[in-house]
């Protein structure tokens, strides 16, 4: 990445974006696990972790 004096986003913004992405992945896994428990999805070959 290039370094400039007038960056639009800094390291804190990037860490925040990664944190939000990880929370989104956790939410998606929880929702898929709920659907599996309700019988809307088969368990498949893999367990959700």
PDB file of N, CA and C in Angstrom:
ATOM      1  N   UNK A   1       0.826  -1.169   0.000  1.00  0.00           N
ATOM      2  CA  UNK A   1       0.000   0.000   0.000  1.00  0.00           C
ATOM      3  C   UNK A   1       0.878   1.242   0.000  1.00  0.00           C
ATOM      4  N   UNK A   2       0.430   2.228  -0.684  1.00  0.00           N
ATOM      5  CA  UNK A   2       1.158   3.482  -0.726  1.00  0.00           C
ATOM      6  C   UNK A   2       0.918   4.271   0.554  1.00  0.00           C
ATOM      7  N   UNK A   3       1.919   5.018   0.936  1.00  0.00           N
ATOM      8  CA  UNK A   3       1.777   5.900   2.101  1.00  0.00           C
ATOM      9  C   UNK A   3       1.640   7.331   1.595  1.00  0.00           C
ATOM     10  N   UNK A   4       0.598   7.972   2.047  1.00  0.00           N
ATOM     11  CA  UNK A   4       0.387   9.373   1.688  1.00  0.00           C
ATOM     12  C   UNK A   4       0.065  10.171   2.941  1.00  0.00           C
ATOM     13  N   UNK A   5       0.207  11.461   2.838  1.00  0.00           N
ATOM     14  CA  UNK A   5      -0.087  12.322   3.989  1.00  0.00           C
ATOM     15  C   UNK A   5      -1.579  12.472   4.236  1.00  0.00           C
ATOM     16  N   UNK A   6      -2.362  12.346   3.178  1.00  0.00           N
ATOM     17  CA  UNK A   6      -3.808  12.563   3.311  1.00  0.00           C
ATOM     18  C   UNK A   6      -4.602  11.272   3.087  1.00  0.00           C
ATOM     19  N   UNK A   7      -4.219  10.235   3.842  1.00  0.00           N
ATOM     20  CA  UNK A   7      -4.925   8.959   3.728  1.00  0.00           C
ATOM     21  C   UNK A   7      -6.390   9.123   4.111  1.00  0.00           C
ATOM     22  N   UNK A   8      -7.249   8.454   3.355  1.00  0.00           N
ATOM     23  CA  UNK A   8      -8.678   8.485   3.682  1.00  0.00           C
ATOM     24  C   UNK A   8      -8.980   7.604   4.894  1.00  0.00           C
ATOM     25  N   UNK A   9      -8.233   6.502   5.022  1.00  0.00           N
ATOM     26  CA  UNK A   9      -8.458   5.558   6.115  1.00  0.00           C
ATOM     27  C   UNK A   9      -7.126   5.218   6.758  1.00  0.00           C
ATOM     28  N   UNK A  10      -7.151   5.090   8.075  1.00  0.00           N
ATOM     29  CA  UNK A  10      -5.946   4.750   8.814  1.00  0.00           C
ATOM     30  C   UNK A  10      -6.006   3.324   9.332  1.00  0.00           C
ATOM     31  N   UNK A  11      -4.973   2.903  10.049  1.00  0.00           N
ATOM     32  CA  UNK A  11      -4.929   1.541  10.587  1.00  0.00           C
ATOM     33  C   UNK A  11      -6.113   1.207  11.489  1.00  0.00           C
ATOM     34  N   UNK A  12      -6.566   2.159  12.278  1.00  0.00           N
ATOM     35  CA  UNK A  12      -7.709   1.911  13.165  1.00  0.00           C
ATOM     36  C   UNK A  12      -8.966   1.613  12.362  1.00  0.00           C
ATOM     37  N   UNK A  13      -9.142   2.320  11.259  1.00  0.00           N
ATOM     38  CA  UNK A  13     -10.303   2.068  10.400  1.00  0.00           C
ATOM     39  C   UNK A  13     -10.245   0.671   9.805  1.00  0.00           C
ATOM     40  N   UNK A  14      -9.060   0.259   9.417  1.00  0.00           N
ATOM     41  CA  UNK A  14      -8.911  -1.069   8.810  1.00  0.00           C
ATOM     42  C   UNK A  14      -9.165  -2.170   9.834  1.00  0.00           C
ATOM     43  N   UNK A  15      -8.661  -1.981  11.048  1.00  0.00           N
ATOM     44  CA  UNK A  15      -8.910  -2.956  12.114  1.00  0.00           C
ATOM     45  C   UNK A  15     -10.397  -3.010  12.428  1.00  0.00           C
ATOM     46  N   UNK A  16     -11.050  -1.859  12.462  1.00  0.00           N
ATOM     47  CA  UNK A  16     -12.491  -1.823  12.701  1.00  0.00           C
ATOM     48  C   UNK A  16     -13.260  -2.557  11.624  1.00  0.00           C
ATOM     49  N   UNK A  17     -12.820  -2.397  10.374  1.00  0.00           N
ATOM     50  CA  UNK A  17     -13.484  -3.087   9.271  1.00  0.00           C
ATOM     51  C   UNK A  17     -13.322  -4.599   9.408  1.00  0.00           C
ATOM     52  N   UNK A  18     -12.129  -5.056   9.776  1.00  0.00           N
ATOM     53  CA  UNK A  18     -11.902  -6.490   9.963  1.00  0.00           C
ATOM     54  C   UNK A  18     -12.724  -7.028  11.127  1.00  0.00           C
ATOM     55  N   UNK A  19     -12.836  -6.250  12.198  1.00  0.00           N
ATOM     56  CA  UNK A  19     -13.649  -6.659  13.342  1.00  0.00           C
ATOM     57  C   UNK A  19     -15.106  -6.820  12.937  1.00  0.00           C
ATOM     58  N   UNK A  20     -15.628  -5.859  12.189  1.00  0.00           N
ATOM     59  CA  UNK A  20     -17.018  -5.946  11.731  1.00  0.00           C
ATOM     60  C   UNK A  20     -17.211  -7.148  10.816  1.00  0.00           C
ATOM     61  N   UNK A  21     -16.234  -7.443   9.980  1.00  0.00           N
ATOM     62  CA  UNK A  21     -16.330  -8.596   9.078  1.00  0.00           C
ATOM     63  C   UNK A  21     -16.359  -9.890   9.888  1.00  0.00           C
ATOM     64  N   UNK A  22     -15.521  -9.977  10.913  1.00  0.00           N
ATOM     65  CA  UNK A  22     -15.514 -11.173  11.757  1.00  0.00           C
ATOM     66  C   UNK A  22     -16.845 -11.342  12.476  1.00  0.00           C
ATOM     67  N   UNK A  23     -17.429 -10.249  12.956  1.00  0.00           N
ATOM     68  CA  UNK A  23     -18.738 -10.327  13.606  1.00  0.00           C
ATOM     69  C   UNK A  23     -19.802 -10.777  12.615  1.00  0.00           C
ATOM     70  N   UNK A  24     -19.714 -10.321  11.373  1.00  0.00           N
ATOM     71  CA  UNK A  24     -20.658 -10.717  10.333  1.00  0.00           C
ATOM     72  C   UNK A  24     -20.549 -12.215  10.063  1.00  0.00           C
ATOM     73  N   UNK A  25     -19.331 -12.728  10.017  1.00  0.00           N
ATOM     74  CA  UNK A  25     -19.122 -14.161   9.796  1.00  0.00           C
ATOM     75  C   UNK A  25     -19.699 -14.960  10.960  1.00  0.00           C
ATOM     76  N   UNK A  26     -19.482 -14.502  12.193  1.00  0.00           N
ATOM     77  CA  UNK A  26     -20.032 -15.187  13.365  1.00  0.00           C
ATOM     78  C   UNK A  26     -21.554 -15.192  13.326  1.00  0.00           C
ATOM     79  N   UNK A  27     -22.150 -14.069  12.960  1.00  0.00           N
ATOM     80  CA  UNK A  27     -23.612 -13.985  12.867  1.00  0.00           C
ATOM     81  C   UNK A  27     -24.152 -14.942  11.808  1.00  0.00           C
ATOM     82  N   UNK A  28     -23.467 -15.015  10.679  1.00  0.00           N
ATOM     83  CA  UNK A  28     -23.894 -15.904   9.597  1.00  0.00           C
ATOM     84  C   UNK A  28     -23.809 -17.358  10.035  1.00  0.00           C
ATOM     85  N   UNK A  29     -22.729 -17.721  10.705  1.00  0.00           N
ATOM     86  CA  UNK A  29     -22.581 -19.097  11.193  1.00  0.00           C
ATOM     87  C   UNK A  29     -23.675 -19.435  12.202  1.00  0.00           C
ATOM     88  N   UNK A  30     -23.980 -18.497  13.094  1.00  0.00           N
ATOM     89  CA  UNK A  30     -25.030 -18.727  14.088  1.00  0.00           C
ATOM     90  C   UNK A  30     -26.385 -18.909  13.409  1.00  0.00           C
ATOM     91  N   UNK A  31     -26.668 -18.102  12.399  1.00  0.00           N
ATOM     92  CA  UNK A  31     -27.943 -18.202  11.682  1.00  0.00           C
ATOM     93  C   UNK A  31     -28.031 -19.537  10.938  1.00  0.00           C
ATOM     94  N   UNK A  32     -26.950 -19.957  10.294  1.00  0.00           N
ATOM     95  CA  UNK A  32     -26.950 -21.242   9.594  1.00  0.00           C
ATOM     96  C   UNK A  32     -27.124 -22.401  10.574  1.00  0.00           C
ATOM     97  N   UNK A  33     -26.491 -22.300  11.746  1.00  0.00           N
ATOM     98  CA  UNK A  33     -26.647 -23.340  12.756  1.00  0.00           C
ATOM     99  C   UNK A  33     -28.092 -23.399  13.241  1.00  0.00           C
ATOM    100  N   UNK A  34     -28.733 -22.242  13.423  1.00  0.00           N
ATOM    101  CA  UNK A  34     -30.143 -22.194  13.813  1.00  0.00           C
ATOM    102  C   UNK A  34     -31.013 -22.866  12.755  1.00  0.00           C
ATOM    103  N   UNK A  35     -30.775 -22.564  11.487  1.00  0.00           N
ATOM    104  CA  UNK A  35     -31.536 -23.186  10.399  1.00  0.00           C
ATOM    105  C   UNK A  35     -31.341 -24.699  10.392  1.00  0.00           C
ATOM    106  N   UNK A  36     -30.098 -25.142  10.676  1.00  0.00           N
ATOM    107  CA  UNK A  36     -29.827 -26.583  10.713  1.00  0.00           C
ATOM    108  C   UNK A  36     -30.587 -27.235  11.863  1.00  0.00           C
ATOM    109  N   UNK A  37     -30.596 -26.587  13.034  1.00  0.00           N
ATOM    110  CA  UNK A  37     -31.298 -27.128  14.194  1.00  0.00           C
ATOM    111  C   UNK A  37     -32.799 -27.202  13.956  1.00  0.00           C
ATOM    112  N   UNK A  38     -33.342 -26.280  13.184  1.00  0.00           N
ATOM    113  CA  UNK A  38     -34.768 -26.270  12.879  1.00  0.00           C
ATOM    114  C   UNK A  38     -35.126 -27.258  11.773  1.00  0.00           C
ATOM    115  N   UNK A  39     -34.107 -27.885  11.175  1.00  0.00           N
ATOM    116  CA  UNK A  39     -34.357 -28.846  10.110  1.00  0.00           C
ATOM    117  C   UNK A  39     -34.499 -28.216   8.738  1.00  0.00           C
ATOM    118  N   UNK A  40     -34.220 -26.932   8.630  1.00  0.00           N
ATOM    119  CA  UNK A  40     -34.317 -26.268   7.336  1.00  0.00           C
ATOM    120  C   UNK A  40     -33.106 -26.555   6.459  1.00  0.00           C
ATOM    121  N   UNK A  41     -31.997 -26.967   7.085  1.00  0.00           N
ATOM    122  CA  UNK A  41     -30.780 -27.326   6.360  1.00  0.00           C
ATOM    123  C   UNK A  41     -30.301 -28.676   6.856  1.00  0.00           C
ATOM    124  N   UNK A  42     -29.702 -29.452   5.965  1.00  0.00           N
ATOM    125  CA  UNK A  42     -29.051 -30.689   6.378  1.00  0.00           C
ATOM    126  C   UNK A  42     -27.732 -30.333   7.041  1.00  0.00           C
ATOM    127  N   UNK A  43     -27.253 -31.231   7.888  1.00  0.00           N
ATOM    128  CA  UNK A  43     -25.978 -31.004   8.553  1.00  0.00           C
ATOM    129  C   UNK A  43     -24.818 -30.971   7.584  1.00  0.00           C
ATOM    130  N   UNK A  44     -24.933 -31.721   6.488  1.00  0.00           N
ATOM    131  CA  UNK A  44     -23.852 -31.745   5.509  1.00  0.00           C
ATOM    132  C   UNK A  44     -22.636 -32.466   6.043  1.00  0.00           C
ATOM    133  N   UNK A  45     -21.541 -32.255   5.385  1.00  0.00           N
ATOM    134  CA  UNK A  45     -20.294 -32.920   5.747  1.00  0.00           C
ATOM    135  C   UNK A  45     -19.551 -32.195   6.862  1.00  0.00           C
ATOM    136  N   UNK A  46     -19.873 -30.938   7.083  1.00  0.00           N
ATOM    137  CA  UNK A  46     -19.082 -30.115   7.985  1.00  0.00           C
ATOM    138  C   UNK A  46     -19.930 -29.593   9.135  1.00  0.00           C
ATOM    139  N   UNK A  47     -19.310 -29.488  10.298  1.00  0.00           N
ATOM    140  CA  UNK A  47     -19.955 -28.841  11.437  1.00  0.00           C
ATOM    141  C   UNK A  47     -19.595 -27.365  11.414  1.00  0.00           C
ATOM    142  N   UNK A  48     -20.526 -26.519  11.799  1.00  0.00           N
ATOM    143  CA  UNK A  48     -20.238 -25.099  11.901  1.00  0.00           C
ATOM    144  C   UNK A  48     -19.478 -24.856  13.192  1.00  0.00           C
ATOM    145  N   UNK A  49     -18.407 -24.074  13.113  1.00  0.00           N
ATOM    146  CA  UNK A  49     -17.595 -23.792  14.303  1.00  0.00           C
ATOM    147  C   UNK A  49     -17.579 -22.327  14.601  1.00  0.00           C
TER     148      UNK A  49
END
